[in-house]
Amino acid sequence: MKKIITSALVLLFVLLSISSFANDDKSTTLSVQGKVRDKNTGEALAGVSVIVSGQEVFTDFDGNFNINISLDESVEVSFISYKSVKIEAADINTNNNYIEIALEN
């Protein structure tokens, strides 16, 4: 009986530990909003590819996008005839989770 109780307590401890690690991962994920513009003209760019770990979204007509990113990842932004840009998550303002990106052609 004592062995069963000990085994149950160990199992409970392991499950609680796994649960706390899973919650830590969620807290390091940011929902980032941003806008992509032409560096020279300042005009918003529609249809720009924004990629994080294989997840790809495109900017809307006004150059806006929204994507989830972990703190250890980077955002890759590319568009035809423009130089691609890579931005580390650590460089994103975590106070408002917003980033402005200017692409140069």
PDB file of N, CA and C in Angstrom:
ATOM      1  N   MET A   1       0.827  -1.199   0.000  1.00  0.00           N
ATOM      2  CA  MET A   1       0.000   0.000   0.000  1.00  0.00           C
ATOM      3  C   MET A   1       0.871   1.262   0.000  1.00  0.00           C
ATOM      4  N   LYS A   2       1.930   1.229   0.812  1.00  0.00           N
ATOM      5  CA  LYS A   2       2.827   2.371   0.904  1.00  0.00           C
ATOM      6  C   LYS A   2       3.501   2.634  -0.448  1.00  0.00           C
ATOM      7  N   LYS A   3       3.810   1.542  -1.163  1.00  0.00           N
ATOM      8  CA  LYS A   3       4.457   1.656  -2.464  1.00  0.00           C
ATOM      9  C   LYS A   3       3.515   2.287  -3.488  1.00  0.00           C
ATOM     10  N   ILE A   4       2.243   1.985  -3.424  1.00  0.00           N
ATOM     11  CA  ILE A   4       1.256   2.542  -4.348  1.00  0.00           C
ATOM     12  C   ILE A   4       1.099   4.042  -4.121  1.00  0.00           C
ATOM     13  N   ILE A   5       1.035   4.434  -2.868  1.00  0.00           N
ATOM     14  CA  ILE A   5       0.892   5.860  -2.531  1.00  0.00           C
ATOM     15  C   ILE A   5       2.129   6.636  -2.986  1.00  0.00           C
ATOM     16  N   THR A   6       3.305   6.078  -2.755  1.00  0.00           N
ATOM     17  CA  THR A   6       4.544   6.733  -3.177  1.00  0.00           C
ATOM     18  C   THR A   6       4.581   6.871  -4.700  1.00  0.00           C
ATOM     19  N   SER A   7       4.211   5.820  -5.406  1.00  0.00           N
ATOM     20  CA  SER A   7       4.186   5.864  -6.870  1.00  0.00           C
ATOM     21  C   SER A   7       3.190   6.901  -7.367  1.00  0.00           C
ATOM     22  N   ALA A   8       2.032   6.988  -6.742  1.00  0.00           N
ATOM     23  CA  ALA A   8       1.012   7.958  -7.137  1.00  0.00           C
ATOM     24  C   ALA A   8       1.511   9.378  -6.912  1.00  0.00           C
ATOM     25  N   LEU A   9       2.190   9.622  -5.808  1.00  0.00           N
ATOM     26  CA  LEU A   9       2.727  10.956  -5.535  1.00  0.00           C
ATOM     27  C   LEU A   9       3.818  11.342  -6.537  1.00  0.00           C
ATOM     28  N   VAL A  10       4.672  10.388  -6.882  1.00  0.00           N
ATOM     29  CA  VAL A  10       5.718  10.659  -7.869  1.00  0.00           C
ATOM     30  C   VAL A  10       5.087  10.981  -9.220  1.00  0.00           C
ATOM     31  N   LEU A  11       4.090  10.216  -9.618  1.00  0.00           N
ATOM     32  CA  LEU A  11       3.392  10.457 -10.879  1.00  0.00           C
ATOM     33  C   LEU A  11       2.730  11.835 -10.882  1.00  0.00           C
ATOM     34  N   LEU A  12       2.093  12.199  -9.791  1.00  0.00           N
ATOM     35  CA  LEU A  12       1.453  13.503  -9.677  1.00  0.00           C
ATOM     36  C   LEU A  12       2.486  14.624  -9.814  1.00  0.00           C
ATOM     37  N   PHE A  13       3.635  14.469  -9.161  1.00  0.00           N
ATOM     38  CA  PHE A  13       4.698  15.456  -9.248  1.00  0.00           C
ATOM     39  C   PHE A  13       5.191  15.614 -10.687  1.00  0.00           C
ATOM     40  N   VAL A  14       5.386  14.504 -11.380  1.00  0.00           N
ATOM     41  CA  VAL A  14       5.852  14.543 -12.768  1.00  0.00           C
ATOM     42  C   VAL A  14       4.832  15.254 -13.649  1.00  0.00           C
ATOM     43  N   LEU A  15       3.553  14.937 -13.492  1.00  0.00           N
ATOM     44  CA  LEU A  15       2.511  15.566 -14.295  1.00  0.00           C
ATOM     45  C   LEU A  15       2.425  17.064 -14.029  1.00  0.00           C
ATOM     46  N   LEU A  16       2.556  17.470 -12.791  1.00  0.00           N
ATOM     47  CA  LEU A  16       2.535  18.900 -12.466  1.00  0.00           C
ATOM     48  C   LEU A  16       3.749  19.618 -13.056  1.00  0.00           C
ATOM     49  N   SER A  17       4.899  18.967 -13.060  1.00  0.00           N
ATOM     50  CA  SER A  17       6.103  19.561 -13.642  1.00  0.00           C
ATOM     51  C   SER A  17       5.934  19.760 -15.135  1.00  0.00           C
ATOM     52  N   ILE A  18       5.400  18.760 -15.825  1.00  0.00           N
ATOM     53  CA  ILE A  18       5.177  18.867 -17.265  1.00  0.00           C
ATOM     54  C   ILE A  18       4.194  19.988 -17.560  1.00  0.00           C
ATOM     55  N   SER A  19       3.158  20.087 -16.761  1.00  0.00           N
ATOM     56  CA  SER A  19       2.157  21.137 -16.957  1.00  0.00           C
ATOM     57  C   SER A  19       2.773  22.521 -16.803  1.00  0.00           C
ATOM     58  N   SER A  20       3.663  22.712 -15.851  1.00  0.00           N
ATOM     59  CA  SER A  20       4.270  24.030 -15.656  1.00  0.00           C
ATOM     60  C   SER A  20       5.205  24.376 -16.802  1.00  0.00           C
ATOM     61  N   PHE A  21       5.907  23.388 -17.364  1.00  0.00           N
ATOM     62  CA  PHE A  21       6.753  23.658 -18.532  1.00  0.00           C
ATOM     63  C   PHE A  21       5.908  24.053 -19.728  1.00  0.00           C
ATOM     64  N   ALA A  22       4.777  23.428 -19.913  1.00  0.00           N
ATOM     65  CA  ALA A  22       3.895  23.754 -21.040  1.00  0.00           C
ATOM     66  C   ALA A  22       3.395  25.187 -20.919  1.00  0.00           C
ATOM     67  N   ASN A  23       3.090  25.635 -19.725  1.00  0.00           N
ATOM     68  CA  ASN A  23       2.622  27.000 -19.524  1.00  0.00           C
ATOM     69  C   ASN A  23       3.724  28.017 -19.785  1.00  0.00           C
ATOM     70  N   ASP A  24       4.984  27.652 -19.483  1.00  0.00           N
ATOM     71  CA  ASP A  24       6.098  28.557 -19.739  1.00  0.00           C
ATOM     72  C   ASP A  24       6.249  28.838 -21.222  1.00  0.00           C
ATOM     73  N   ASP A  25       6.035  27.828 -22.077  1.00  0.00           N
ATOM     74  CA  ASP A  25       6.157  28.027 -23.511  1.00  0.00           C
ATOM     75  C   ASP A  25       5.139  29.035 -24.021  1.00  0.00           C
ATOM     76  N   LYS A  26       3.929  29.003 -23.502  1.00  0.00           N
ATOM     77  CA  LYS A  26       2.895  29.930 -23.943  1.00  0.00           C
ATOM     78  C   LYS A  26       3.249  31.367 -23.592  1.00  0.00           C
ATOM     79  N   SER A  27       3.914  31.571 -22.468  1.00  0.00           N
ATOM     80  CA  SER A  27       4.225  32.931 -22.047  1.00  0.00           C
ATOM     81  C   SER A  27       5.341  33.545 -22.892  1.00  0.00           C
ATOM     82  N   THR A  28       6.103  32.726 -23.624  1.00  0.00           N
ATOM     83  CA  THR A  28       7.175  33.265 -24.450  1.00  0.00           C
ATOM     84  C   THR A  28       6.738  33.482 -25.893  1.00  0.00           C
ATOM     85  N   THR A  29       5.488  33.280 -26.194  1.00  0.00           N
ATOM     86  CA  THR A  29       4.985  33.503 -27.544  1.00  0.00           C
ATOM     87  C   THR A  29       4.299  34.860 -27.610  1.00  0.00           C
ATOM     88  N   LEU A  30       4.687  35.636 -28.611  1.00  0.00           N
ATOM     89  CA  LEU A  30       4.104  36.962 -28.805  1.00  0.00           C
ATOM     90  C   LEU A  30       3.195  36.961 -30.025  1.00  0.00           C
ATOM     91  N   SER A  31       2.105  37.663 -29.948  1.00  0.00           N
ATOM     92  CA  SER A  31       1.294  37.937 -31.123  1.00  0.00           C
ATOM     93  C   SER A  31       1.725  39.314 -31.607  1.00  0.00           C
ATOM     94  N   VAL A  32       2.460  39.325 -32.699  1.00  0.00           N
ATOM     95  CA  VAL A  32       3.075  40.553 -33.194  1.00  0.00           C
ATOM     96  C   VAL A  32       2.256  41.139 -34.335  1.00  0.00           C
ATOM     97  N   GLN A  33       2.010  42.422 -34.237  1.00  0.00           N
ATOM     98  CA  GLN A  33       1.378  43.168 -35.326  1.00  0.00           C
ATOM     99  C   GLN A  33       2.433  44.087 -35.914  1.00  0.00           C
ATOM    100  N   GLY A  34       2.287  44.377 -37.186  1.00  0.00           N
ATOM    101  CA  GLY A  34       3.261  45.259 -37.797  1.00  0.00           C
ATOM    102  C   GLY A  34       2.783  45.834 -39.107  1.00  0.00           C
ATOM    103  N   LYS A  35       3.635  46.664 -39.678  1.00  0.00           N
ATOM    104  CA  LYS A  35       3.342  47.311 -40.957  1.00  0.00           C
ATOM    105  C   LYS A  35       4.621  47.313 -41.772  1.00  0.00           C
ATOM    106  N   VAL A  36       4.489  47.034 -43.075  1.00  0.00           N
ATOM    107  CA  VAL A  36       5.631  47.037 -43.977  1.00  0.00           C
ATOM    108  C   VAL A  36       5.455  48.179 -44.975  1.00  0.00           C
ATOM    109  N   ARG A  37       6.521  48.981 -45.110  1.00  0.00           N
ATOM    110  CA  ARG A  37       6.492  50.149 -45.997  1.00  0.00           C
ATOM    111  C   ARG A  37       7.694  50.111 -46.940  1.00  0.00           C
ATOM    112  N   ASP A  38       7.607  50.875 -47.997  1.00  0.00           N
ATOM    113  CA  ASP A  38       8.733  51.120 -48.884  1.00  0.00           C
ATOM    114  C   ASP A  38       9.638  52.135 -48.181  1.00  0.00           C
ATOM    115  N   LYS A  39      10.923  51.826 -48.076  1.00  0.00           N
ATOM    116  CA  LYS A  39      11.849  52.696 -47.342  1.00  0.00           C
ATOM    117  C   LYS A  39      11.982  54.078 -47.976  1.00  0.00           C
ATOM    118  N   ASN A  40      11.934  54.148 -49.301  1.00  0.00           N
ATOM    119  CA  ASN A  40      12.139  55.426 -49.989  1.00  0.00           C
ATOM    120  C   ASN A  40      10.883  56.285 -50.036  1.00  0.00           C
ATOM    121  N   THR A  41       9.745  55.685 -50.309  1.00  0.00           N
ATOM    122  CA  THR A  41       8.513  56.467 -50.487  1.00  0.00           C
ATOM    123  C   THR A  41       7.636  56.514 -49.240  1.00  0.00           C
ATOM    124  N   GLY A  42       7.817  55.551 -48.338  1.00  0.00           N
ATOM    125  CA  GLY A  42       6.974  55.483 -47.145  1.00  0.00           C
ATOM    126  C   GLY A  42       5.614  54.849 -47.398  1.00  0.00           C
ATOM    127  N   GLU A  43       5.363  54.442 -48.647  1.00  0.00           N
ATOM    128  CA  GLU A  43       4.071  53.842 -48.976  1.00  0.00           C
ATOM    129  C   GLU A  43       3.969  52.427 -48.402  1.00  0.00           C
ATOM    130  N   ALA A  44       2.766  52.065 -47.972  1.00  0.00           N
ATOM    131  CA  ALA A  44       2.506  50.717 -47.462  1.00  0.00           C
ATOM    132  C   ALA A  44       2.628  49.720 -48.602  1.00  0.00           C
ATOM    133  N   LEU A  45       3.154  48.535 -48.302  1.00  0.00           N
ATOM    134  CA  LEU A  45       3.318  47.485 -49.299  1.00  0.00           C
ATOM    135  C   LEU A  45       2.345  46.342 -49.029  1.00  0.00           C
ATOM    136  N   ALA A  46       1.506  46.049 -49.989  1.00  0.00           N
ATOM    137  CA  ALA A  46       0.534  44.952 -49.871  1.00  0.00           C
ATOM    138  C   ALA A  46       1.117  43.688 -50.477  1.00  0.00           C
ATOM    139  N   GLY A  47       0.807  42.535 -49.860  1.00  0.00           N
ATOM    140  CA  GLY A  47       1.236  41.240 -50.388  1.00  0.00           C
ATOM    141  C   GLY A  47       2.640  40.829 -50.021  1.00  0.00           C
ATOM    142  N   VAL A  48       3.245  41.494 -49.050  1.00  0.00           N
ATOM    143  CA  VAL A  48       4.590  41.156 -48.600  1.00  0.00           C
ATOM    144  C   VAL A  48       4.527  39.862 -47.787  1.00  0.00           C
ATOM    145  N   SER A  49       5.499  38.979 -47.995  1.00  0.00           N
ATOM    146  CA  SER A  49       5.579  37.710 -47.278  1.00  0.00           C
ATOM    147  C   SER A  49       6.264  37.917 -45.931  1.00  0.00           C
ATOM    148  N   VAL A  50       5.593  37.481 -44.862  1.00  0.00           N
ATOM    149  CA  VAL A  50       6.136  37.552 -43.500  1.00  0.00           C
ATOM    150  C   VAL A  50       6.148  36.117 -42.977  1.00  0.00           C
ATOM    151  N   ILE A  51       7.359  35.577 -42.690  1.00  0.00           N
ATOM    152  CA  ILE A  51       7.495  34.168 -42.330  1.00  0.00           C
ATOM    153  C   ILE A  51       8.152  34.018 -40.959  1.00  0.00           C
ATOM    154  N   VAL A  52       7.563  33.122 -40.139  1.00  0.00           N
ATOM    155  CA  VAL A  52       8.140  32.715 -38.857  1.00  0.00           C
ATOM    156  C   VAL A  52       8.003  31.200 -38.774  1.00  0.00           C
ATOM    157  N   SER A  53       9.126  30.497 -38.698  1.00  0.00           N
ATOM    158  CA  SER A  53       9.143  29.035 -38.547  1.00  0.00           C
ATOM    159  C   SER A  53       8.178  28.321 -39.488  1.00  0.00           C
ATOM    160  N   GLY A  54       8.203  28.671 -40.731  1.00  0.00           N
ATOM    161  CA  GLY A  54       7.352  28.009 -41.713  1.00  0.00           C
ATOM    162  C   GLY A  54       5.932  28.540 -41.785  1.00  0.00           C
ATOM    163  N   GLN A  55       5.525  29.345 -40.824  1.00  0.00           N
ATOM    164  CA  GLN A  55       4.197  29.969 -40.854  1.00  0.00           C
ATOM    165  C   GLN A  55       4.321  31.247 -41.674  1.00  0.00           C
ATOM    166  N   GLU A  56       3.558  31.332 -42.757  1.00  0.00           N
ATOM    167  CA  GLU A  56       3.645  32.492 -43.642  1.00  0.00           C
ATOM    168  C   GLU A  56       2.323  33.234 -43.679  1.00  0.00           C
ATOM    169  N   VAL A  57       2.415  34.541 -43.527  1.00  0.00           N
ATOM    170  CA  VAL A  57       1.257  35.418 -43.710  1.00  0.00           C
ATOM    171  C   VAL A  57       1.668  36.498 -44.700  1.00  0.00           C
ATOM    172  N   PHE A  58       0.677  37.187 -45.233  1.00  0.00           N
ATOM    173  CA  PHE A  58       0.934  38.264 -46.180  1.00  0.00           C
ATOM    174  C   PHE A  58       0.318  39.554 -45.659  1.00  0.00           C
ATOM    175  N   THR A  59       0.972  40.665 -45.976  1.00  0.00           N
ATOM    176  CA  THR A  59       0.427  41.951 -45.550  1.00  0.00           C
ATOM    177  C   THR A  59      -0.855  42.242 -46.323  1.00  0.00           C
ATOM    178  N   ASP A  60      -1.749  42.972 -45.666  1.00  0.00           N
ATOM    179  CA  ASP A  60      -3.006  43.357 -46.312  1.00  0.00           C
ATOM    180  C   ASP A  60      -2.778  44.579 -47.207  1.00  0.00           C
ATOM    181  N   PHE A  61      -3.847  45.136 -47.720  1.00  0.00           N
ATOM    182  CA  PHE A  61      -3.774  46.270 -48.643  1.00  0.00           C
ATOM    183  C   PHE A  61      -3.044  47.463 -48.029  1.00  0.00           C
ATOM    184  N   ASP A  62      -3.138  47.621 -46.703  1.00  0.00           N
ATOM    185  CA  ASP A  62      -2.498  48.744 -46.012  1.00  0.00           C
ATOM    186  C   ASP A  62      -1.116  48.404 -45.465  1.00  0.00           C
ATOM    187  N   GLY A  63      -0.585  47.218 -45.818  1.00  0.00           N
ATOM    188  CA  GLY A  63       0.747  46.819 -45.359  1.00  0.00           C
ATOM    189  C   GLY A  63       0.779  46.207 -43.974  1.00  0.00           C
ATOM    190  N   ASN A  64      -0.373  45.941 -43.385  1.00  0.00           N
ATOM    191  CA  ASN A  64      -0.438  45.401 -42.023  1.00  0.00           C
ATOM    192  C   ASN A  64      -0.371  43.875 -42.016  1.00  0.00           C
ATOM    193  N   PHE A  65       0.188  43.325 -40.933  1.00  0.00           N
ATOM    194  CA  PHE A  65       0.220  41.885 -40.735  1.00  0.00           C
ATOM    195  C   PHE A  65       0.112  41.566 -39.251  1.00  0.00           C
ATOM    196  N   ASN A  66      -0.198  40.312 -38.953  1.00  0.00           N
ATOM    197  CA  ASN A  66      -0.269  39.803 -37.588  1.00  0.00           C
ATOM    198  C   ASN A  66       0.244  38.377 -37.615  1.00  0.00           C
ATOM    199  N   ILE A  67       1.222  38.045 -36.738  1.00  0.00           N
ATOM    200  CA  ILE A  67       1.806  36.706 -36.716  1.00  0.00           C
ATOM    201  C   ILE A  67       2.283  36.382 -35.303  1.00  0.00           C
ATOM    202  N   ASN A  68       2.281  35.100 -34.946  1.00  0.00           N
ATOM    203  CA  ASN A  68       2.773  34.656 -33.640  1.00  0.00           C
ATOM    204  C   ASN A  68       4.245  34.299 -33.752  1.00  0.00           C
ATOM    205  N   ILE A  69       5.025  34.678 -32.736  1.00  0.00           N
ATOM    206  CA  ILE A  69       6.461  34.417 -32.738  1.00  0.00           C
ATOM    207  C   ILE A  69       6.936  34.112 -31.315  1.00  0.00           C
ATOM    208  N   SER A  70       7.807  33.124 -31.190  1.00  0.00           N
ATOM    209  CA  SER A  70       8.442  32.823 -29.910  1.00  0.00           C
ATOM    210  C   SER A  70       9.663  33.713 -29.755  1.00  0.00           C
ATOM    211  N   LEU A  71      10.093  33.912 -28.526  1.00  0.00           N
ATOM    212  CA  LEU A  71      11.206  34.820 -28.261  1.00  0.00           C
ATOM    213  C   LEU A  71      12.531  34.339 -28.838  1.00  0.00           C
ATOM    214  N   ASP A  72      12.628  33.050 -29.191  1.00  0.00           N
ATOM    215  CA  ASP A  72      13.876  32.526 -29.754  1.00  0.00           C
ATOM    216  C   ASP A  72      13.827  32.416 -31.288  1.00  0.00           C
ATOM    217  N   GLU A  73      12.823  32.990 -31.913  1.00  0.00           N
ATOM    218  CA  GLU A  73      12.665  32.911 -33.363  1.00  0.00           C
ATOM    219  C   GLU A  73      12.959  34.256 -34.025  1.00  0.00           C
ATOM    220  N   SER A  74      12.905  34.248 -35.347  1.00  0.00           N
ATOM    221  CA  SER A  74      13.088  35.486 -36.097  1.00  0.00           C
ATOM    222  C   SER A  74      11.998  35.596 -37.163  1.00  0.00           C
ATOM    223  N   VAL A  75      11.775  36.819 -37.611  1.00  0.00           N
ATOM    224  CA  VAL A  75      10.790  37.116 -38.644  1.00  0.00           C
ATOM    225  C   VAL A  75      11.554  37.405 -39.932  1.00  0.00           C
ATOM    226  N   GLU A  76      11.160  36.744 -41.015  1.00  0.00           N
ATOM    227  CA  GLU A  76      11.755  37.016 -42.319  1.00  0.00           C
ATOM    228  C   GLU A  76      10.711  37.697 -43.195  1.00  0.00           C
ATOM    229  N   VAL A  77      11.082  38.829 -43.751  1.00  0.00           N
ATOM    230  CA  VAL A  77      10.159  39.622 -44.561  1.00  0.00           C
ATOM    231  C   VAL A  77      10.752  39.757 -45.961  1.00  0.00           C
ATOM    232  N   SER A  78       9.955  39.407 -46.986  1.00  0.00           N
ATOM    233  CA  SER A  78      10.466  39.507 -48.350  1.00  0.00           C
ATOM    234  C   SER A  78       9.348  39.899 -49.317  1.00  0.00           C
ATOM    235  N   PHE A  79       9.778  40.548 -50.391  1.00  0.00           N
ATOM    236  CA  PHE A  79       8.854  41.007 -51.413  1.00  0.00           C
ATOM    237  C   PHE A  79       9.615  41.126 -52.726  1.00  0.00           C
ATOM    238  N   ILE A  80       8.954  40.868 -53.821  1.00  0.00           N
ATOM    239  CA  ILE A  80       9.593  40.904 -55.136  1.00  0.00           C
ATOM    240  C   ILE A  80      10.231  42.268 -55.377  1.00  0.00           C
ATOM    241  N   SER A  81      11.471  42.251 -55.834  1.00  0.00           N
ATOM    242  CA  SER A  81      12.307  43.408 -56.174  1.00  0.00           C
ATOM    243  C   SER A  81      12.773  44.220 -54.953  1.00  0.00           C
ATOM    244  N   TYR A  82      12.557  43.686 -53.735  1.00  0.00           N
ATOM    245  CA  TYR A  82      13.043  44.341 -52.514  1.00  0.00           C
ATOM    246  C   TYR A  82      14.034  43.433 -51.806  1.00  0.00           C
ATOM    247  N   LYS A  83      14.937  44.030 -51.034  1.00  0.00           N
ATOM    248  CA  LYS A  83      15.884  43.256 -50.237  1.00  0.00           C
ATOM    249  C   LYS A  83      15.144  42.635 -49.051  1.00  0.00           C
ATOM    250  N   SER A  84      15.382  41.344 -48.811  1.00  0.00           N
ATOM    251  CA  SER A  84      14.756  40.659 -47.676  1.00  0.00           C
ATOM    252  C   SER A  84      15.339  41.166 -46.369  1.00  0.00           C
ATOM    253  N   VAL A  85      14.524  41.098 -45.320  1.00  0.00           N
ATOM    254  CA  VAL A  85      14.927  41.555 -43.989  1.00  0.00           C
ATOM    255  C   VAL A  85      14.650  40.433 -42.993  1.00  0.00           C
ATOM    256  N   LYS A  86      15.590  40.236 -42.075  1.00  0.00           N
ATOM    257  CA  LYS A  86      15.405  39.254 -40.998  1.00  0.00           C
ATOM    258  C   LYS A  86      15.504  39.993 -39.667  1.00  0.00           C
ATOM    259  N   ILE A  87      14.483  39.823 -38.824  1.00  0.00           N
ATOM    260  CA  ILE A  87      14.416  40.533 -37.541  1.00  0.00           C
ATOM    261  C   ILE A  87      14.280  39.517 -36.424  1.00  0.00           C
ATOM    262  N   GLU A  88      15.152  39.604 -35.432  1.00  0.00           N
ATOM    263  CA  GLU A  88      15.092  38.706 -34.275  1.00  0.00           C
ATOM    264  C   GLU A  88      13.961  39.145 -33.344  1.00  0.00           C
ATOM    265  N   ALA A  89      13.313  38.172 -32.727  1.00  0.00           N
ATOM    266  CA  ALA A  89      12.211  38.474 -31.810  1.00  0.00           C
ATOM    267  C   ALA A  89      12.673  39.374 -30.670  1.00  0.00           C
ATOM    268  N   ALA A  90      13.921  39.229 -30.263  1.00  0.00           N
ATOM    269  CA  ALA A  90      14.451  40.056 -29.171  1.00  0.00           C
ATOM    270  C   ALA A  90      14.472  41.538 -29.531  1.00  0.00           C
ATOM    271  N   ASP A  91      14.453  41.851 -30.826  1.00  0.00           N
ATOM    272  CA  ASP A  91      14.477  43.250 -31.277  1.00  0.00           C
ATOM    273  C   ASP A  91      13.090  43.863 -31.398  1.00  0.00           C
ATOM    274  N   ILE A  92      12.059  43.075 -31.161  1.00  0.00           N
ATOM    275  CA  ILE A  92      10.688  43.573 -31.252  1.00  0.00           C
ATOM    276  C   ILE A  92      10.289  44.183 -29.912  1.00  0.00           C
ATOM    277  N   ASN A  93       9.657  45.341 -29.950  1.00  0.00           N
ATOM    278  CA  ASN A  93       9.212  46.018 -28.732  1.00  0.00           C
ATOM    279  C   ASN A  93       8.131  45.187 -28.053  1.00  0.00           C
ATOM    280  N   THR A  94       8.479  44.536 -26.936  1.00  0.00           N
ATOM    281  CA  THR A  94       7.520  43.654 -26.262  1.00  0.00           C
ATOM    282  C   THR A  94       6.496  44.424 -25.438  1.00  0.00           C
ATOM    283  N   ASN A  95       6.627  45.742 -25.330  1.00  0.00           N
ATOM    284  CA  ASN A  95       5.608  46.520 -24.609  1.00  0.00           C
ATOM    285  C   ASN A  95       4.304  46.583 -25.384  1.00  0.00           C
ATOM    286  N   ASN A  96       4.420  46.715 -26.718  1.00  0.00           N
ATOM    287  CA  ASN A  96       3.199  46.799 -27.511  1.00  0.00           C
ATOM    288  C   ASN A  96       3.139  45.762 -28.631  1.00  0.00           C
ATOM    289  N   ASN A  97       4.198  44.918 -28.758  1.00  0.00           N
ATOM    290  CA  ASN A  97       4.251  43.847 -29.763  1.00  0.00           C
ATOM    291  C   ASN A  97       3.955  44.363 -31.163  1.00  0.00           C
ATOM    292  N   TYR A  98       4.522  45.507 -31.499  1.00  0.00           N
ATOM    293  CA  TYR A  98       4.313  46.121 -32.800  1.00  0.00           C
ATOM    294  C   TYR A  98       5.663  46.441 -33.431  1.00  0.00           C
ATOM    295  N   ILE A  99       5.746  46.242 -34.739  1.00  0.00           N
ATOM    296  CA  ILE A  99       6.999  46.529 -35.436  1.00  0.00           C
ATOM    297  C   ILE A  99       6.722  47.164 -36.793  1.00  0.00           C
ATOM    298  N   GLU A 100       7.491  48.188 -37.115  1.00  0.00           N
ATOM    299  CA  GLU A 100       7.419  48.826 -38.432  1.00  0.00           C
ATOM    300  C   GLU A 100       8.643  48.352 -39.209  1.00  0.00           C
ATOM    301  N   ILE A 101       8.423  47.897 -40.436  1.00  0.00           N
ATOM    302  CA  ILE A 101       9.509  47.386 -41.265  1.00  0.00           C
ATOM    303  C   ILE A 101       9.546  48.189 -42.563  1.00  0.00           C
ATOM    304  N   ALA A 102      10.741  48.684 -42.924  1.00  0.00           N
ATOM    305  CA  ALA A 102      10.925  49.418 -44.163  1.00  0.00           C
ATOM    306  C   ALA A 102      11.795  48.589 -45.084  1.00  0.00           C
ATOM    307  N   LEU A 103      11.243  48.209 -46.240  1.00  0.00           N
ATOM    308  CA  LEU A 103      11.989  47.432 -47.217  1.00  0.00           C
ATOM    309  C   LEU A 103      12.608  48.357 -48.253  1.00  0.00           C
ATOM    310  N   GLU A 104      13.832  48.005 -48.644  1.00  0.00           N
ATOM    311  CA  GLU A 104      14.578  48.806 -49.610  1.00  0.00           C
ATOM    312  C   GLU A 104      14.709  48.020 -50.914  1.00  0.00           C
ATOM    313  N   ASN A 105      14.503  48.710 -52.043  1.00  0.00           N
ATOM    314  CA  ASN A 105      14.659  47.996 -53.323  1.00  0.00           C
ATOM    315  C   ASN A 105      15.935  48.372 -54.019  1.00  0.00           C
TER     316      ASN A 105
END
